[in-house]
Amino acid sequence: QMLATPSAGQTITINNITYPMTNDQLSGKLEFPSFMPYVGLGWGLGKPLDKGLKFVFDLGLAIGSPKATLSGTGTALSTAQAQADIAAQQQKINDDASKLIGLPVIKIGVGYVF
């Protein structure tokens, strides 16, 4: 999640258009789906029921693409043109994010059986 709150007199560029900032804020987030199939390869050292120290390692990929949402508030970012530029910028981010096929996952574990 991100929040951009520039000081008065600063500018922000959205969809290649520069807007002067006064009391404006641009917020956004990039979220992966709540359910993502997982493909991985794992390795463990030691039999599960044997006493002693155990090590595990797993390397894989959670499959799914993130989605971005952007919103702007304030004087400059509330205009129809600014809202259209924010929507266009959000679409560009989502187009780029759709190229991601997933989220890499590495799990390392240590345990001890008494």
PDB file of N, CA and C in Angstrom:
ATOM      1  N   GLN A   1       0.845  -1.169   0.000  1.00  0.00           N
ATOM      2  CA  GLN A   1       0.000   0.000   0.000  1.00  0.00           C
ATOM      3  C   GLN A   1       0.892   1.234   0.000  1.00  0.00           C
ATOM      4  N   MET A   2       0.455   2.264  -0.692  1.00  0.00           N
ATOM      5  CA  MET A   2       1.239   3.488  -0.743  1.00  0.00           C
ATOM      6  C   MET A   2       0.330   4.690  -0.620  1.00  0.00           C
ATOM      7  N   LEU A   3       0.904   5.779  -0.123  1.00  0.00           N
ATOM      8  CA  LEU A   3       0.183   7.039   0.019  1.00  0.00           C
ATOM      9  C   LEU A   3       1.148   8.161  -0.333  1.00  0.00           C
ATOM     10  N   ALA A   4       0.805   8.947  -1.346  1.00  0.00           N
ATOM     11  CA  ALA A   4       1.632  10.090  -1.753  1.00  0.00           C
ATOM     12  C   ALA A   4       0.918  11.368  -1.321  1.00  0.00           C
ATOM     13  N   THR A   5       1.586  12.136  -0.466  1.00  0.00           N
ATOM     14  CA  THR A   5       1.038  13.404   0.021  1.00  0.00           C
ATOM     15  C   THR A   5       2.111  14.479  -0.157  1.00  0.00           C
ATOM     16  N   PRO A   6       2.279  15.002  -1.364  1.00  0.00           N
ATOM     17  CA  PRO A   6       3.292  16.036  -1.580  1.00  0.00           C
ATOM     18  C   PRO A   6       2.922  17.331  -0.867  1.00  0.00           C
ATOM     19  N   SER A   7       3.933  18.121  -0.563  1.00  0.00           N
ATOM     20  CA  SER A   7       3.716  19.433   0.047  1.00  0.00           C
ATOM     21  C   SER A   7       3.160  20.392  -0.998  1.00  0.00           C
ATOM     22  N   ALA A   8       2.511  21.447  -0.513  1.00  0.00           N
ATOM     23  CA  ALA A   8       1.986  22.476  -1.421  1.00  0.00           C
ATOM     24  C   ALA A   8       3.128  23.023  -2.278  1.00  0.00           C
ATOM     25  N   GLY A   9       2.841  23.228  -3.550  1.00  0.00           N
ATOM     26  CA  GLY A   9       3.854  23.732  -4.470  1.00  0.00           C
ATOM     27  C   GLY A   9       4.582  22.631  -5.226  1.00  0.00           C
ATOM     28  N   GLN A  10       4.507  21.389  -4.757  1.00  0.00           N
ATOM     29  CA  GLN A  10       5.131  20.281  -5.468  1.00  0.00           C
ATOM     30  C   GLN A  10       4.172  19.776  -6.537  1.00  0.00           C
ATOM     31  N   THR A  11       4.682  18.918  -7.406  1.00  0.00           N
ATOM     32  CA  THR A  11       3.857  18.359  -8.471  1.00  0.00           C
ATOM     33  C   THR A  11       3.920  16.841  -8.421  1.00  0.00           C
ATOM     34  N   ILE A  12       2.959  16.227  -9.094  1.00  0.00           N
ATOM     35  CA  ILE A  12       2.937  14.772  -9.243  1.00  0.00           C
ATOM     36  C   ILE A  12       2.576  14.476 -10.700  1.00  0.00           C
ATOM     37  N   THR A  13       3.227  13.480 -11.284  1.00  0.00           N
ATOM     38  CA  THR A  13       2.964  13.115 -12.670  1.00  0.00           C
ATOM     39  C   THR A  13       2.195  11.805 -12.698  1.00  0.00           C
ATOM     40  N   ILE A  14       1.015  11.857 -13.328  1.00  0.00           N
ATOM     41  CA  ILE A  14       0.146  10.682 -13.453  1.00  0.00           C
ATOM     42  C   ILE A  14      -0.206  10.534 -14.928  1.00  0.00           C
ATOM     43  N   ASN A  15       0.085   9.371 -15.490  1.00  0.00           N
ATOM     44  CA  ASN A  15      -0.198   9.108 -16.899  1.00  0.00           C
ATOM     45  C   ASN A  15       0.449  10.160 -17.805  1.00  0.00           C
ATOM     46  N   ASN A  16       1.675  10.542 -17.476  1.00  0.00           N
ATOM     47  CA  ASN A  16       2.475  11.524 -18.225  1.00  0.00           C
ATOM     48  C   ASN A  16       1.912  12.943 -18.179  1.00  0.00           C
ATOM     49  N   ILE A  17       1.007  13.231 -17.255  1.00  0.00           N
ATOM     50  CA  ILE A  17       0.468  14.575 -17.062  1.00  0.00           C
ATOM     51  C   ILE A  17       0.888  15.039 -15.674  1.00  0.00           C
ATOM     52  N   THR A  18       1.421  16.248 -15.581  1.00  0.00           N
ATOM     53  CA  THR A  18       1.877  16.789 -14.300  1.00  0.00           C
ATOM     54  C   THR A  18       0.783  17.648 -13.677  1.00  0.00           C
ATOM     55  N   TYR A  19       0.510  17.362 -12.404  1.00  0.00           N
ATOM     56  CA  TYR A  19      -0.509  18.098 -11.653  1.00  0.00           C
ATOM     57  C   TYR A  19       0.146  18.849 -10.501  1.00  0.00           C
ATOM     58  N   PRO A  20      -0.227  20.136 -10.305  1.00  0.00           N
ATOM     59  CA  PRO A  20       0.264  20.865  -9.138  1.00  0.00           C
ATOM     60  C   PRO A  20      -0.480  20.373  -7.893  1.00  0.00           C
ATOM     61  N   MET A  21       0.225  20.214  -6.791  1.00  0.00           N
ATOM     62  CA  MET A  21      -0.392  19.680  -5.580  1.00  0.00           C
ATOM     63  C   MET A  21      -0.670  20.813  -4.587  1.00  0.00           C
ATOM     64  N   THR A  22      -1.811  20.725  -3.954  1.00  0.00           N
ATOM     65  CA  THR A  22      -2.146  21.643  -2.865  1.00  0.00           C
ATOM     66  C   THR A  22      -2.535  20.794  -1.658  1.00  0.00           C
ATOM     67  N   ASN A  23      -3.751  20.327  -1.635  1.00  0.00           N
ATOM     68  CA  ASN A  23      -4.223  19.468  -0.546  1.00  0.00           C
ATOM     69  C   ASN A  23      -4.566  18.069  -1.073  1.00  0.00           C
ATOM     70  N   ASP A  24      -3.808  17.606  -2.031  1.00  0.00           N
ATOM     71  CA  ASP A  24      -4.123  16.361  -2.737  1.00  0.00           C
ATOM     72  C   ASP A  24      -3.382  15.165  -2.148  1.00  0.00           C
ATOM     73  N   GLN A  25      -3.969  13.976  -2.352  1.00  0.00           N
ATOM     74  CA  GLN A  25      -3.339  12.720  -1.973  1.00  0.00           C
ATOM     75  C   GLN A  25      -3.619  11.684  -3.054  1.00  0.00           C
ATOM     76  N   LEU A  26      -2.611  10.889  -3.342  1.00  0.00           N
ATOM     77  CA  LEU A  26      -2.763   9.765  -4.259  1.00  0.00           C
ATOM     78  C   LEU A  26      -2.470   8.510  -3.460  1.00  0.00           C
ATOM     79  N   SER A  27      -3.427   7.585  -3.431  1.00  0.00           N
ATOM     80  CA  SER A  27      -3.213   6.339  -2.698  1.00  0.00           C
ATOM     81  C   SER A  27      -3.371   5.164  -3.653  1.00  0.00           C
ATOM     82  N   GLY A  28      -2.713   4.092  -3.305  1.00  0.00           N
ATOM     83  CA  GLY A  28      -2.810   2.905  -4.142  1.00  0.00           C
ATOM     84  C   GLY A  28      -2.359   1.670  -3.409  1.00  0.00           C
ATOM     85  N   LYS A  29      -2.727   0.535  -3.963  1.00  0.00           N
ATOM     86  CA  LYS A  29      -2.253  -0.734  -3.416  1.00  0.00           C
ATOM     87  C   LYS A  29      -2.153  -1.757  -4.528  1.00  0.00           C
ATOM     88  N   LEU A  30      -1.298  -2.713  -4.285  1.00  0.00           N
ATOM     89  CA  LEU A  30      -1.067  -3.822  -5.199  1.00  0.00           C
ATOM     90  C   LEU A  30      -1.313  -5.088  -4.396  1.00  0.00           C
ATOM     91  N   GLU A  31      -2.325  -5.858  -4.777  1.00  0.00           N
ATOM     92  CA  GLU A  31      -2.703  -7.041  -4.012  1.00  0.00           C
ATOM     93  C   GLU A  31      -2.690  -8.289  -4.882  1.00  0.00           C
ATOM     94  N   PHE A  32      -2.148  -9.356  -4.305  1.00  0.00           N
ATOM     95  CA  PHE A  32      -2.235 -10.661  -4.948  1.00  0.00           C
ATOM     96  C   PHE A  32      -3.582 -11.284  -4.570  1.00  0.00           C
ATOM     97  N   PRO A  33      -4.083 -12.229  -5.351  1.00  0.00           N
ATOM     98  CA  PRO A  33      -5.346 -12.891  -5.009  1.00  0.00           C
ATOM     99  C   PRO A  33      -5.251 -13.571  -3.639  1.00  0.00           C
ATOM    100  N   SER A  34      -6.383 -13.702  -2.958  1.00  0.00           N
ATOM    101  CA  SER A  34      -6.383 -14.340  -1.636  1.00  0.00           C
ATOM    102  C   SER A  34      -6.145 -15.848  -1.743  1.00  0.00           C
ATOM    103  N   PHE A  35      -6.471 -16.451  -2.882  1.00  0.00           N
ATOM    104  CA  PHE A  35      -6.201 -17.868  -3.114  1.00  0.00           C
ATOM    105  C   PHE A  35      -5.274 -17.992  -4.317  1.00  0.00           C
ATOM    106  N   MET A  36      -4.129 -18.649  -4.121  1.00  0.00           N
ATOM    107  CA  MET A  36      -3.169 -18.844  -5.207  1.00  0.00           C
ATOM    108  C   MET A  36      -2.678 -20.287  -5.179  1.00  0.00           C
ATOM    109  N   PRO A  37      -2.862 -21.035  -6.276  1.00  0.00           N
ATOM    110  CA  PRO A  37      -2.306 -22.396  -6.334  1.00  0.00           C
ATOM    111  C   PRO A  37      -0.784 -22.339  -6.151  1.00  0.00           C
ATOM    112  N   TYR A  38      -0.238 -23.397  -5.579  1.00  0.00           N
ATOM    113  CA  TYR A  38       1.194 -23.438  -5.272  1.00  0.00           C
ATOM    114  C   TYR A  38       1.839 -24.670  -5.892  1.00  0.00           C
ATOM    115  N   VAL A  39       2.982 -24.463  -6.503  1.00  0.00           N
ATOM    116  CA  VAL A  39       3.781 -25.550  -7.055  1.00  0.00           C
ATOM    117  C   VAL A  39       5.158 -25.430  -6.422  1.00  0.00           C
ATOM    118  N   GLY A  40       5.637 -26.517  -5.819  1.00  0.00           N
ATOM    119  CA  GLY A  40       6.931 -26.434  -5.153  1.00  0.00           C
ATOM    120  C   GLY A  40       7.636 -27.758  -5.087  1.00  0.00           C
ATOM    121  N   LEU A  41       8.874 -27.681  -4.686  1.00  0.00           N
ATOM    122  CA  LEU A  41       9.721 -28.847  -4.516  1.00  0.00           C
ATOM    123  C   LEU A  41      10.340 -28.733  -3.134  1.00  0.00           C
ATOM    124  N   GLY A  42      10.212 -29.784  -2.334  1.00  0.00           N
ATOM    125  CA  GLY A  42      10.706 -29.717  -0.972  1.00  0.00           C
ATOM    126  C   GLY A  42      11.669 -30.834  -0.635  1.00  0.00           C
ATOM    127  N   TRP A  43      12.375 -30.622   0.468  1.00  0.00           N
ATOM    128  CA  TRP A  43      13.358 -31.584   0.935  1.00  0.00           C
ATOM    129  C   TRP A  43      13.363 -31.533   2.454  1.00  0.00           C
ATOM    130  N   GLY A  44      13.437 -32.674   3.101  1.00  0.00           N
ATOM    131  CA  GLY A  44      13.503 -32.728   4.563  1.00  0.00           C
ATOM    132  C   GLY A  44      14.560 -33.713   5.001  1.00  0.00           C
ATOM    133  N   LEU A  45      15.170 -33.419   6.129  1.00  0.00           N
ATOM    134  CA  LEU A  45      16.227 -34.283   6.661  1.00  0.00           C
ATOM    135  C   LEU A  45      15.723 -34.928   7.941  1.00  0.00           C
ATOM    136  N   GLY A  46      15.680 -36.245   7.971  1.00  0.00           N
ATOM    137  CA  GLY A  46      15.246 -36.978   9.154  1.00  0.00           C
ATOM    138  C   GLY A  46      13.868 -37.571   8.956  1.00  0.00           C
ATOM    139  N   LYS A  47      13.622 -38.691   9.604  1.00  0.00           N
ATOM    140  CA  LYS A  47      12.310 -39.331   9.551  1.00  0.00           C
ATOM    141  C   LYS A  47      11.372 -38.574  10.480  1.00  0.00           C
ATOM    142  N   PRO A  48      10.109 -38.425  10.087  1.00  0.00           N
ATOM    143  CA  PRO A  48       9.181 -37.605  10.873  1.00  0.00           C
ATOM    144  C   PRO A  48       9.035 -38.029  12.343  1.00  0.00           C
ATOM    145  N   LEU A  49       9.031 -39.323  12.657  1.00  0.00           N
ATOM    146  CA  LEU A  49       8.795 -39.769  14.029  1.00  0.00           C
ATOM    147  C   LEU A  49      10.072 -40.011  14.825  1.00  0.00           C
ATOM    148  N   ASP A  50      11.223 -39.950  14.182  1.00  0.00           N
ATOM    149  CA  ASP A  50      12.486 -40.130  14.903  1.00  0.00           C
ATOM    150  C   ASP A  50      12.773 -38.906  15.756  1.00  0.00           C
ATOM    151  N   LYS A  51      13.340 -39.154  16.945  1.00  0.00           N
ATOM    152  CA  LYS A  51      13.703 -38.046  17.827  1.00  0.00           C
ATOM    153  C   LYS A  51      14.923 -37.325  17.271  1.00  0.00           C
ATOM    154  N   GLY A  52      14.998 -36.037  17.577  1.00  0.00           N
ATOM    155  CA  GLY A  52      16.170 -35.266  17.170  1.00  0.00           C
ATOM    156  C   GLY A  52      15.823 -34.063  16.321  1.00  0.00           C
ATOM    157  N   LEU A  53      16.868 -33.468  15.816  1.00  0.00           N
ATOM    158  CA  LEU A  53      16.776 -32.239  15.032  1.00  0.00           C
ATOM    159  C   LEU A  53      16.314 -32.540  13.607  1.00  0.00           C
ATOM    160  N   LYS A  54      15.416 -31.717  13.088  1.00  0.00           N
ATOM    161  CA  LYS A  54      14.875 -31.889  11.725  1.00  0.00           C
ATOM    162  C   LYS A  54      15.075 -30.591  10.944  1.00  0.00           C
ATOM    163  N   PHE A  55      15.359 -30.725   9.666  1.00  0.00           N
ATOM    164  CA  PHE A  55      15.492 -29.584   8.766  1.00  0.00           C
ATOM    165  C   PHE A  55      14.579 -29.787   7.562  1.00  0.00           C
ATOM    166  N   VAL A  56      13.958 -28.720   7.089  1.00  0.00           N
ATOM    167  CA  VAL A  56      13.134 -28.790   5.876  1.00  0.00           C
ATOM    168  C   VAL A  56      13.431 -27.580   4.999  1.00  0.00           C
ATOM    169  N   PHE A  57      13.268 -27.785   3.703  1.00  0.00           N
ATOM    170  CA  PHE A  57      13.492 -26.717   2.724  1.00  0.00           C
ATOM    171  C   PHE A  57      12.469 -26.900   1.607  1.00  0.00           C
ATOM    172  N   ASP A  58      11.867 -25.810   1.158  1.00  0.00           N
ATOM    173  CA  ASP A  58      10.874 -25.872   0.092  1.00  0.00           C
ATOM    174  C   ASP A  58      11.071 -24.658  -0.810  1.00  0.00           C
ATOM    175  N   LEU A  59      11.056 -24.886  -2.102  1.00  0.00           N
ATOM    176  CA  LEU A  59      11.209 -23.820  -3.089  1.00  0.00           C
ATOM    177  C   LEU A  59      10.080 -23.968  -4.092  1.00  0.00           C
ATOM    178  N   GLY A  60       9.333 -22.881  -4.344  1.00  0.00           N
ATOM    179  CA  GLY A  60       8.217 -23.006  -5.256  1.00  0.00           C
ATOM    180  C   GLY A  60       7.682 -21.676  -5.747  1.00  0.00           C
ATOM    181  N   LEU A  61       6.483 -21.740  -6.306  1.00  0.00           N
ATOM    182  CA  LEU A  61       5.852 -20.577  -6.895  1.00  0.00           C
ATOM    183  C   LEU A  61       4.360 -20.594  -6.569  1.00  0.00           C
ATOM    184  N   ALA A  62       3.879 -19.487  -5.955  1.00  0.00           N
ATOM    185  CA  ALA A  62       2.445 -19.294  -5.760  1.00  0.00           C
ATOM    186  C   ALA A  62       1.940 -18.610  -7.023  1.00  0.00           C
ATOM    187  N   ILE A  63       1.008 -19.233  -7.728  1.00  0.00           N
ATOM    188  CA  ILE A  63       0.608 -18.783  -9.056  1.00  0.00           C
ATOM    189  C   ILE A  63      -0.560 -17.797  -8.981  1.00  0.00           C
ATOM    190  N   GLY A  64      -0.356 -16.618  -9.564  1.00  0.00           N
ATOM    191  CA  GLY A  64      -1.390 -15.583  -9.604  1.00  0.00           C
ATOM    192  C   GLY A  64      -0.767 -14.224  -9.870  1.00  0.00           C
ATOM    193  N   SER A  65      -1.525 -13.329 -10.466  1.00  0.00           N
ATOM    194  CA  SER A  65      -1.043 -11.980 -10.786  1.00  0.00           C
ATOM    195  C   SER A  65      -1.682 -10.955  -9.856  1.00  0.00           C
ATOM    196  N   PRO A  66      -0.907  -9.938  -9.449  1.00  0.00           N
ATOM    197  CA  PRO A  66      -1.465  -8.905  -8.579  1.00  0.00           C
ATOM    198  C   PRO A  66      -2.341  -7.927  -9.358  1.00  0.00           C
ATOM    199  N   LYS A  67      -3.187  -7.218  -8.633  1.00  0.00           N
ATOM    200  CA  LYS A  67      -4.035  -6.168  -9.209  1.00  0.00           C
ATOM    201  C   LYS A  67      -3.784  -4.877  -8.448  1.00  0.00           C
ATOM    202  N   ALA A  68      -3.686  -3.784  -9.189  1.00  0.00           N
ATOM    203  CA  ALA A  68      -3.456  -2.467  -8.597  1.00  0.00           C
ATOM    204  C   ALA A  68      -4.756  -1.677  -8.537  1.00  0.00           C
ATOM    205  N   THR A  69      -4.880  -0.870  -7.493  1.00  0.00           N
ATOM    206  CA  THR A  69      -5.969   0.102  -7.410  1.00  0.00           C
ATOM    207  C   THR A  69      -5.357   1.436  -7.007  1.00  0.00           C
ATOM    208  N   LEU A  70      -5.758   2.494  -7.686  1.00  0.00           N
ATOM    209  CA  LEU A  70      -5.292   3.854  -7.400  1.00  0.00           C
ATOM    210  C   LEU A  70      -6.498   4.750  -7.180  1.00  0.00           C
ATOM    211  N   SER A  71      -6.351   5.726  -6.299  1.00  0.00           N
ATOM    212  CA  SER A  71      -7.391   6.732  -6.123  1.00  0.00           C
ATOM    213  C   SER A  71      -6.743   8.041  -5.707  1.00  0.00           C
ATOM    214  N   GLY A  72      -7.339   9.134  -6.162  1.00  0.00           N
ATOM    215  CA  GLY A  72      -6.821  10.455  -5.844  1.00  0.00           C
ATOM    216  C   GLY A  72      -7.896  11.329  -5.237  1.00  0.00           C
ATOM    217  N   THR A  73      -7.495  12.146  -4.272  1.00  0.00           N
ATOM    218  CA  THR A  73      -8.412  13.089  -3.639  1.00  0.00           C
ATOM    219  C   THR A  73      -7.753  14.453  -3.574  1.00  0.00           C
ATOM    220  N   GLY A  74      -8.555  15.473  -3.413  1.00  0.00           N
ATOM    221  CA  GLY A  74      -8.046  16.832  -3.292  1.00  0.00           C
ATOM    222  C   GLY A  74      -8.432  17.671  -4.489  1.00  0.00           C
ATOM    223  N   THR A  75      -7.993  18.898  -4.493  1.00  0.00           N
ATOM    224  CA  THR A  75      -8.384  19.865  -5.514  1.00  0.00           C
ATOM    225  C   THR A  75      -7.983  19.434  -6.923  1.00  0.00           C
ATOM    226  N   ALA A  76      -6.706  19.198  -7.139  1.00  0.00           N
ATOM    227  CA  ALA A  76      -6.225  18.879  -8.489  1.00  0.00           C
ATOM    228  C   ALA A  76      -6.626  17.472  -8.934  1.00  0.00           C
ATOM    229  N   LEU A  77      -6.623  16.507  -8.003  1.00  0.00           N
ATOM    230  CA  LEU A  77      -6.867  15.112  -8.378  1.00  0.00           C
ATOM    231  C   LEU A  77      -8.344  14.731  -8.396  1.00  0.00           C
ATOM    232  N   SER A  78      -9.226  15.663  -8.096  1.00  0.00           N
ATOM    233  CA  SER A  78     -10.665  15.390  -8.139  1.00  0.00           C
ATOM    234  C   SER A  78     -11.296  15.785  -9.465  1.00  0.00           C
ATOM    235  N   THR A  79     -10.546  16.410 -10.354  1.00  0.00           N
ATOM    236  CA  THR A  79     -11.105  16.824 -11.639  1.00  0.00           C
ATOM    237  C   THR A  79     -11.359  15.600 -12.516  1.00  0.00           C
ATOM    238  N   ALA A  80     -12.226  15.758 -13.488  1.00  0.00           N
ATOM    239  CA  ALA A  80     -12.546  14.652 -14.399  1.00  0.00           C
ATOM    240  C   ALA A  80     -11.300  14.193 -15.155  1.00  0.00           C
ATOM    241  N   GLN A  81     -10.468  15.151 -15.588  1.00  0.00           N
ATOM    242  CA  GLN A  81      -9.247  14.797 -16.316  1.00  0.00           C
ATOM    243  C   GLN A  81      -8.285  14.008 -15.429  1.00  0.00           C
ATOM    244  N   ALA A  82      -8.116  14.447 -14.188  1.00  0.00           N
ATOM    245  CA  ALA A  82      -7.219  13.742 -13.271  1.00  0.00           C
ATOM    246  C   ALA A  82      -7.729  12.339 -12.982  1.00  0.00           C
ATOM    247  N   GLN A  83      -9.036  12.186 -12.785  1.00  0.00           N
ATOM    248  CA  GLN A  83      -9.606  10.866 -12.523  1.00  0.00           C
ATOM    249  C   GLN A  83      -9.418   9.940 -13.726  1.00  0.00           C
ATOM    250  N   ALA A  84      -9.532  10.487 -14.928  1.00  0.00           N
ATOM    251  CA  ALA A  84      -9.291   9.694 -16.141  1.00  0.00           C
ATOM    252  C   ALA A  84      -7.822   9.285 -16.227  1.00  0.00           C
ATOM    253  N   ASP A  85      -6.918  10.205 -15.868  1.00  0.00           N
ATOM    254  CA  ASP A  85      -5.482   9.879 -15.883  1.00  0.00           C
ATOM    255  C   ASP A  85      -5.134   8.843 -14.817  1.00  0.00           C
ATOM    256  N   ILE A  86      -5.767   8.943 -13.652  1.00  0.00           N
ATOM    257  CA  ILE A  86      -5.537   7.955 -12.595  1.00  0.00           C
ATOM    258  C   ILE A  86      -6.013   6.579 -13.070  1.00  0.00           C
ATOM    259  N   ALA A  87      -7.180   6.512 -13.701  1.00  0.00           N
ATOM    260  CA  ALA A  87      -7.687   5.245 -14.228  1.00  0.00           C
ATOM    261  C   ALA A  87      -6.759   4.682 -15.304  1.00  0.00           C
ATOM    262  N   ALA A  88      -6.239   5.550 -16.174  1.00  0.00           N
ATOM    263  CA  ALA A  88      -5.316   5.100 -17.227  1.00  0.00           C
ATOM    264  C   ALA A  88      -4.008   4.598 -16.621  1.00  0.00           C
ATOM    265  N   GLN A  89      -3.492   5.290 -15.598  1.00  0.00           N
ATOM    266  CA  GLN A  89      -2.260   4.870 -14.929  1.00  0.00           C
ATOM    267  C   GLN A  89      -2.476   3.522 -14.233  1.00  0.00           C
ATOM    268  N   GLN A  90      -3.636   3.350 -13.609  1.00  0.00           N
ATOM    269  CA  GLN A  90      -3.966   2.081 -12.957  1.00  0.00           C
ATOM    270  C   GLN A  90      -3.982   0.958 -13.988  1.00  0.00           C
ATOM    271  N   GLN A  91      -4.549   1.212 -15.164  1.00  0.00           N
ATOM    272  CA  GLN A  91      -4.590   0.191 -16.217  1.00  0.00           C
ATOM    273  C   GLN A  91      -3.187  -0.166 -16.692  1.00  0.00           C
ATOM    274  N   LYS A  92      -2.309   0.833 -16.819  1.00  0.00           N
ATOM    275  CA  LYS A  92      -0.924   0.556 -17.217  1.00  0.00           C
ATOM    276  C   LYS A  92      -0.230  -0.333 -16.191  1.00  0.00           C
ATOM    277  N   ILE A  93      -0.436  -0.028 -14.904  1.00  0.00           N
ATOM    278  CA  ILE A  93       0.169  -0.845 -13.851  1.00  0.00           C
ATOM    279  C   ILE A  93      -0.366  -2.266 -13.914  1.00  0.00           C
ATOM    280  N   ASN A  94      -1.683  -2.414 -14.091  1.00  0.00           N
ATOM    281  CA  ASN A  94      -2.275  -3.755 -14.168  1.00  0.00           C
ATOM    282  C   ASN A  94      -1.807  -4.516 -15.396  1.00  0.00           C
ATOM    283  N   ASP A  95      -1.598  -3.820 -16.511  1.00  0.00           N
ATOM    284  CA  ASP A  95      -1.061  -4.485 -17.711  1.00  0.00           C
ATOM    285  C   ASP A  95       0.334  -5.027 -17.437  1.00  0.00           C
ATOM    286  N   ASP A  96       1.170  -4.222 -16.763  1.00  0.00           N
ATOM    287  CA  ASP A  96       2.517  -4.681 -16.417  1.00  0.00           C
ATOM    288  C   ASP A  96       2.469  -5.811 -15.391  1.00  0.00           C
ATOM    289  N   ALA A  97       1.607  -5.676 -14.396  1.00  0.00           N
ATOM    290  CA  ALA A  97       1.512  -6.689 -13.335  1.00  0.00           C
ATOM    291  C   ALA A  97       0.985  -8.016 -13.868  1.00  0.00           C
ATOM    292  N   SER A  98       0.178  -7.995 -14.915  1.00  0.00           N
ATOM    293  CA  SER A  98      -0.364  -9.246 -15.459  1.00  0.00           C
ATOM    294  C   SER A  98       0.732 -10.105 -16.084  1.00  0.00           C
ATOM    295  N   LYS A  99       1.895  -9.531 -16.330  1.00  0.00           N
ATOM    296  CA  LYS A  99       3.021 -10.299 -16.873  1.00  0.00           C
ATOM    297  C   LYS A  99       3.680 -11.158 -15.800  1.00  0.00           C
ATOM    298  N   LEU A 100       3.413 -10.838 -14.532  1.00  0.00           N
ATOM    299  CA  LEU A 100       3.935 -11.662 -13.444  1.00  0.00           C
ATOM    300  C   LEU A 100       3.087 -12.917 -13.341  1.00  0.00           C
ATOM    301  N   ILE A 101       3.728 -14.067 -13.344  1.00  0.00           N
ATOM    302  CA  ILE A 101       2.952 -15.307 -13.278  1.00  0.00           C
ATOM    303  C   ILE A 101       2.761 -15.782 -11.846  1.00  0.00           C
ATOM    304  N   GLY A 102       3.493 -15.217 -10.923  1.00  0.00           N
ATOM    305  CA  GLY A 102       3.342 -15.662  -9.548  1.00  0.00           C
ATOM    306  C   GLY A 102       4.334 -15.017  -8.611  1.00  0.00           C
ATOM    307  N   LEU A 103       4.319 -15.516  -7.404  1.00  0.00           N
ATOM    308  CA  LEU A 103       5.150 -15.007  -6.329  1.00  0.00           C
ATOM    309  C   LEU A 103       6.091 -16.117  -5.889  1.00  0.00           C
ATOM    310  N   PRO A 104       7.413 -15.913  -5.998  1.00  0.00           N
ATOM    311  CA  PRO A 104       8.339 -16.964  -5.574  1.00  0.00           C
ATOM    312  C   PRO A 104       8.265 -17.179  -4.057  1.00  0.00           C
ATOM    313  N   VAL A 105       8.415 -18.433  -3.653  1.00  0.00           N
ATOM    314  CA  VAL A 105       8.331 -18.787  -2.238  1.00  0.00           C
ATOM    315  C   VAL A 105       9.535 -19.646  -1.867  1.00  0.00           C
ATOM    316  N   ILE A 106      10.175 -19.280  -0.761  1.00  0.00           N
ATOM    317  CA  ILE A 106      11.251 -20.096  -0.188  1.00  0.00           C
ATOM    318  C   ILE A 106      10.908 -20.316   1.281  1.00  0.00           C
ATOM    319  N   LYS A 107      10.871 -21.573   1.691  1.00  0.00           N
ATOM    320  CA  LYS A 107      10.590 -21.886   3.085  1.00  0.00           C
ATOM    321  C   LYS A 107      11.735 -22.722   3.634  1.00  0.00           C
ATOM    322  N   ILE A 108      12.209 -22.313   4.793  1.00  0.00           N
ATOM    323  CA  ILE A 108      13.260 -23.058   5.495  1.00  0.00           C
ATOM    324  C   ILE A 108      12.734 -23.302   6.904  1.00  0.00           C
ATOM    325  N   GLY A 109      12.861 -24.522   7.377  1.00  0.00           N
ATOM    326  CA  GLY A 109      12.364 -24.834   8.712  1.00  0.00           C
ATOM    327  C   GLY A 109      13.324 -25.697   9.501  1.00  0.00           C
ATOM    328  N   VAL A 110      13.261 -25.512  10.803  1.00  0.00           N
ATOM    329  CA  VAL A 110      14.065 -26.314  11.737  1.00  0.00           C
ATOM    330  C   VAL A 110      13.116 -26.762  12.831  1.00  0.00           C
ATOM    331  N   GLY A 111      13.223 -27.990  13.244  1.00  0.00           N
ATOM    332  CA  GLY A 111      12.393 -28.507  14.314  1.00  0.00           C
ATOM    333  C   GLY A 111      13.142 -29.538  15.144  1.00  0.00           C
ATOM    334  N   TYR A 112      12.562 -29.837  16.279  1.00  0.00           N
ATOM    335  CA  TYR A 112      13.160 -30.849  17.151  1.00  0.00           C
ATOM    336  C   TYR A 112      12.051 -31.737  17.694  1.00  0.00           C
ATOM    337  N   VAL A 113      12.212 -33.025  17.565  1.00  0.00           N
ATOM    338  CA  VAL A 113      11.245 -33.974  18.082  1.00  0.00           C
ATOM    339  C   VAL A 113      11.814 -34.572  19.367  1.00  0.00           C
ATOM    340  N   PHE A 114      11.015 -34.492  20.451  1.00  0.00           N
ATOM    341  CA  PHE A 114      11.447 -35.021  21.752  1.00  0.00           C
ATOM    342  C   PHE A 114      11.082 -36.483  21.914  1.00  0.00           C
TER     343      PHE A 114
END
